[in-house]
Amino acid sequence: MSLEEKIVSAVHTYLASFERKDLDAIIDLYADDCWIEDPVGSDRKVGKPALREFYQIAMDAGAKGTLESEIRVAGNEAAFAFCIEIETKKGPMTINPIDVMTFNEEGKITSMRAFFGPRNQRMV
């Protein structure tokens, strides 16, 4: 499998894992030396234990992700737009981020940055 195929497969697994509430599958997509910045401008979460804590919150909120664009792959990076639906204390909310991920040679995610702001969030 080429690196591009591994990247595309990882993105699809990433989104499908929210639907299945499979936290382990998401964490397994990441390299040991990984970090995320979600949203961009927030403190980075570094290492799998920090990512597990972050994604557990999303799972607890019933997060479900739906791809809204092609997955753009250039070299060892990918960018894609998607819609994520979560439950908040005020009711259901949708967020429309663009995630940019960097991958190592094995197809594991080394970094993820989520681009979104208040204009990309709404209560439904």
C-alpha atoms as a PDB file:
ATOM      1  CA  MET A   1       0.000   0.000   0.000  1.00  0.00           C
ATOM      2  CA  SER A   2       1.385   3.421  -0.936  1.00  0.00           C
ATOM      3  CA  LEU A   3       1.700   6.209   1.623  1.00  0.00           C
ATOM      4  CA  GLU A   4      -1.132   8.071  -0.096  1.00  0.00           C
ATOM      5  CA  GLU A   5      -3.392   5.016   0.245  1.00  0.00           C
ATOM      6  CA  LYS A   6      -2.426   4.672   3.918  1.00  0.00           C
ATOM      7  CA  ILE A   7      -3.255   8.337   4.506  1.00  0.00           C
ATOM      8  CA  VAL A   8      -6.663   8.150   2.832  1.00  0.00           C
ATOM      9  CA  SER A   9      -7.469   4.956   4.739  1.00  0.00           C
ATOM     10  CA  ALA A  10      -6.418   6.584   8.031  1.00  0.00           C
ATOM     11  CA  VAL A  11      -8.707   9.578   7.459  1.00  0.00           C
ATOM     12  CA  HIS A  12     -11.672   7.323   6.710  1.00  0.00           C
ATOM     13  CA  THR A  13     -10.894   5.216   9.791  1.00  0.00           C
ATOM     14  CA  TYR A  14     -10.578   8.383  11.878  1.00  0.00           C
ATOM     15  CA  LEU A  15     -14.078   9.565  10.944  1.00  0.00           C
ATOM     16  CA  ALA A  16     -15.692   6.103  11.115  1.00  0.00           C
ATOM     17  CA  SER A  17     -14.242   5.564  14.596  1.00  0.00           C
ATOM     18  CA  PHE A  18     -16.340   8.411  15.976  1.00  0.00           C
ATOM     19  CA  GLU A  19     -19.480   6.718  14.663  1.00  0.00           C
ATOM     20  CA  ARG A  20     -18.454   3.460  16.349  1.00  0.00           C
ATOM     21  CA  LYS A  21     -17.288   5.266  19.519  1.00  0.00           C
ATOM     22  CA  ASP A  22     -14.000   3.422  19.107  1.00  0.00           C
ATOM     23  CA  LEU A  23     -11.482   5.495  21.041  1.00  0.00           C
ATOM     24  CA  ASP A  24      -8.748   2.866  20.709  1.00  0.00           C
ATOM     25  CA  ALA A  25      -9.034   2.917  16.909  1.00  0.00           C
ATOM     26  CA  ILE A  26      -8.474   6.685  16.875  1.00  0.00           C
ATOM     27  CA  ILE A  27      -5.482   6.499  19.217  1.00  0.00           C
ATOM     28  CA  ASP A  28      -3.987   3.636  17.166  1.00  0.00           C
ATOM     29  CA  LEU A  29      -3.898   5.929  14.118  1.00  0.00           C
ATOM     30  CA  TYR A  30      -1.348   8.172  15.862  1.00  0.00           C
ATOM     31  CA  ALA A  31       2.431   7.756  16.134  1.00  0.00           C
ATOM     32  CA  ASP A  32       3.960   7.635  19.606  1.00  0.00           C
ATOM     33  CA  ASP A  33       5.518  11.110  19.190  1.00  0.00           C
ATOM     34  CA  CYS A  34       2.251  12.754  18.105  1.00  0.00           C
ATOM     35  CA  TRP A  35       0.573  16.029  18.964  1.00  0.00           C
ATOM     36  CA  ILE A  36      -2.668  17.812  18.110  1.00  0.00           C
ATOM     37  CA  GLU A  37      -3.738  21.449  18.130  1.00  0.00           C
ATOM     38  CA  ASP A  38      -7.530  21.468  18.208  1.00  0.00           C
ATOM     39  CA  PRO A  39      -8.524  24.162  17.509  1.00  0.00           C
ATOM     40  CA  VAL A  40      -5.527  25.967  16.036  1.00  0.00           C
ATOM     41  CA  GLY A  41      -4.340  28.511  18.594  1.00  0.00           C
ATOM     42  CA  SER A  42      -5.113  26.304  21.600  1.00  0.00           C
ATOM     43  CA  ASP A  43      -2.483  24.481  23.640  1.00  0.00           C
ATOM     44  CA  ARG A  44      -1.054  21.427  21.951  1.00  0.00           C
ATOM     45  CA  LYS A  45      -1.938  18.046  23.374  1.00  0.00           C
ATOM     46  CA  VAL A  46       1.254  15.971  23.173  1.00  0.00           C
ATOM     47  CA  GLY A  47       1.477  12.177  23.323  1.00  0.00           C
ATOM     48  CA  LYS A  48      -1.112   9.438  23.239  1.00  0.00           C
ATOM     49  CA  PRO A  49      -2.264   9.824  26.884  1.00  0.00           C
ATOM     50  CA  ALA A  50      -3.137  13.498  26.235  1.00  0.00           C
ATOM     51  CA  LEU A  51      -4.882  12.573  22.983  1.00  0.00           C
ATOM     52  CA  ARG A  52      -6.850   9.829  24.716  1.00  0.00           C
ATOM     53  CA  GLU A  53      -8.117  12.349  27.275  1.00  0.00           C
ATOM     54  CA  PHE A  54      -9.037  14.842  24.522  1.00  0.00           C
ATOM     55  CA  TYR A  55     -10.837  12.313  22.311  1.00  0.00           C
ATOM     56  CA  GLN A  56     -12.632  10.751  25.285  1.00  0.00           C
ATOM     57  CA  ILE A  57     -14.377  14.092  25.807  1.00  0.00           C
ATOM     58  CA  ALA A  58     -15.500  14.037  22.168  1.00  0.00           C
ATOM     59  CA  MET A  59     -16.739  10.455  22.523  1.00  0.00           C
ATOM     60  CA  ASP A  60     -18.633  11.349  25.690  1.00  0.00           C
ATOM     61  CA  ALA A  61     -20.318  14.182  23.751  1.00  0.00           C
ATOM     62  CA  GLY A  62     -21.493  11.696  21.110  1.00  0.00           C
ATOM     63  CA  ALA A  63     -19.253  13.121  18.380  1.00  0.00           C
ATOM     64  CA  LYS A  64     -20.055  11.956  14.852  1.00  0.00           C
ATOM     65  CA  GLY A  65     -18.013  13.077  11.842  1.00  0.00           C
ATOM     66  CA  THR A  66     -19.048  13.273   8.202  1.00  0.00           C
ATOM     67  CA  LEU A  67     -16.578  13.999   5.403  1.00  0.00           C
ATOM     68  CA  GLU A  68     -17.573  17.097   3.413  1.00  0.00           C
ATOM     69  CA  SER A  69     -14.736  17.295   0.896  1.00  0.00           C
ATOM     70  CA  GLU A  70     -12.224  15.239  -0.956  1.00  0.00           C
ATOM     71  CA  ILE A  71      -9.219  14.238   1.081  1.00  0.00           C
ATOM     72  CA  ARG A  72      -6.352  16.292  -0.303  1.00  0.00           C
ATOM     73  CA  VAL A  73      -2.996  14.501  -0.016  1.00  0.00           C
ATOM     74  CA  ALA A  74       0.318  16.201  -0.781  1.00  0.00           C
ATOM     75  CA  GLY A  75       3.448  14.304   0.163  1.00  0.00           C
ATOM     76  CA  ASN A  76       2.992  13.131   3.742  1.00  0.00           C
ATOM     77  CA  GLU A  77       0.178  15.551   4.605  1.00  0.00           C
ATOM     78  CA  ALA A  78      -3.587  15.544   4.203  1.00  0.00           C
ATOM     79  CA  ALA A  79      -6.298  18.168   4.535  1.00  0.00           C
ATOM     80  CA  PHE A  80     -10.033  17.572   4.610  1.00  0.00           C
ATOM     81  CA  ALA A  81     -13.224  19.364   5.575  1.00  0.00           C
ATOM     82  CA  PHE A  82     -15.823  17.593   7.649  1.00  0.00           C
ATOM     83  CA  CYS A  83     -18.806  18.198   9.878  1.00  0.00           C
ATOM     84  CA  ILE A  84     -18.773  17.003  13.454  1.00  0.00           C
ATOM     85  CA  GLU A  85     -21.949  16.815  15.508  1.00  0.00           C
ATOM     86  CA  ILE A  86     -21.803  16.824  19.309  1.00  0.00           C
ATOM     87  CA  GLU A  87     -24.215  17.099  22.216  1.00  0.00           C
ATOM     88  CA  THR A  88     -23.695  20.060  24.554  1.00  0.00           C
ATOM     89  CA  LYS A  89     -25.505  21.178  27.704  1.00  0.00           C
ATOM     90  CA  LYS A  90     -27.381  23.659  25.485  1.00  0.00           C
ATOM     91  CA  GLY A  91     -28.305  21.053  22.876  1.00  0.00           C
ATOM     92  CA  PRO A  92     -26.849  19.676  19.643  1.00  0.00           C
ATOM     93  CA  MET A  93     -24.029  21.582  17.969  1.00  0.00           C
ATOM     94  CA  THR A  94     -22.296  21.216  14.612  1.00  0.00           C
ATOM     95  CA  ILE A  95     -18.706  22.230  13.969  1.00  0.00           C
ATOM     96  CA  ASN A  96     -17.208  22.423  10.473  1.00  0.00           C
ATOM     97  CA  PRO A  97     -13.417  22.135  10.766  1.00  0.00           C
ATOM     98  CA  ILE A  98     -10.714  21.563   8.233  1.00  0.00           C
ATOM     99  CA  ASP A  99      -8.175  19.145   9.663  1.00  0.00           C
ATOM    100  CA  VAL A 100      -4.583  19.084   8.464  1.00  0.00           C
ATOM    101  CA  MET A 101      -2.656  15.942   9.372  1.00  0.00           C
ATOM    102  CA  THR A 102       0.988  14.991   8.930  1.00  0.00           C
ATOM    103  CA  PHE A 103       1.956  11.331   8.616  1.00  0.00           C
ATOM    104  CA  ASN A 104       5.132   9.299   9.033  1.00  0.00           C
ATOM    105  CA  GLU A 105       6.362   6.654   6.571  1.00  0.00           C
ATOM    106  CA  GLU A 106       4.232   3.976   8.272  1.00  0.00           C
ATOM    107  CA  GLY A 107       1.075   6.013   7.710  1.00  0.00           C
ATOM    108  CA  LYS A 108       0.704   7.007  11.383  1.00  0.00           C
ATOM    109  CA  ILE A 109      -0.437  10.548  12.224  1.00  0.00           C
ATOM    110  CA  THR A 110       2.357  12.637  13.743  1.00  0.00           C
ATOM    111  CA  SER A 111       0.393  15.886  13.992  1.00  0.00           C
ATOM    112  CA  MET A 112      -3.125  17.187  13.527  1.00  0.00           C
ATOM    113  CA  ARG A 113      -4.301  20.785  13.424  1.00  0.00           C
ATOM    114  CA  ALA A 114      -8.023  21.616  13.336  1.00  0.00           C
ATOM    115  CA  PHE A 115      -8.941  24.915  11.691  1.00  0.00           C
ATOM    116  CA  PHE A 116     -12.253  26.348  12.846  1.00  0.00           C
ATOM    117  CA  GLY A 117     -13.625  29.265  14.816  1.00  0.00           C
ATOM    118  CA  PRO A 118     -16.918  30.684  16.069  1.00  0.00           C
ATOM    119  CA  ARG A 119     -18.192  31.195  12.501  1.00  0.00           C
ATOM    120  CA  ASN A 120     -17.843  27.456  11.941  1.00  0.00           C
ATOM    121  CA  GLN A 121     -19.942  26.381  14.940  1.00  0.00           C
ATOM    122  CA  ARG A 122     -23.688  26.511  15.356  1.00  0.00           C
ATOM    123  CA  MET A 123     -26.412  25.135  17.531  1.00  0.00           C
ATOM    124  CA  VAL A 124     -28.941  23.015  15.662  1.00  0.00           C
END
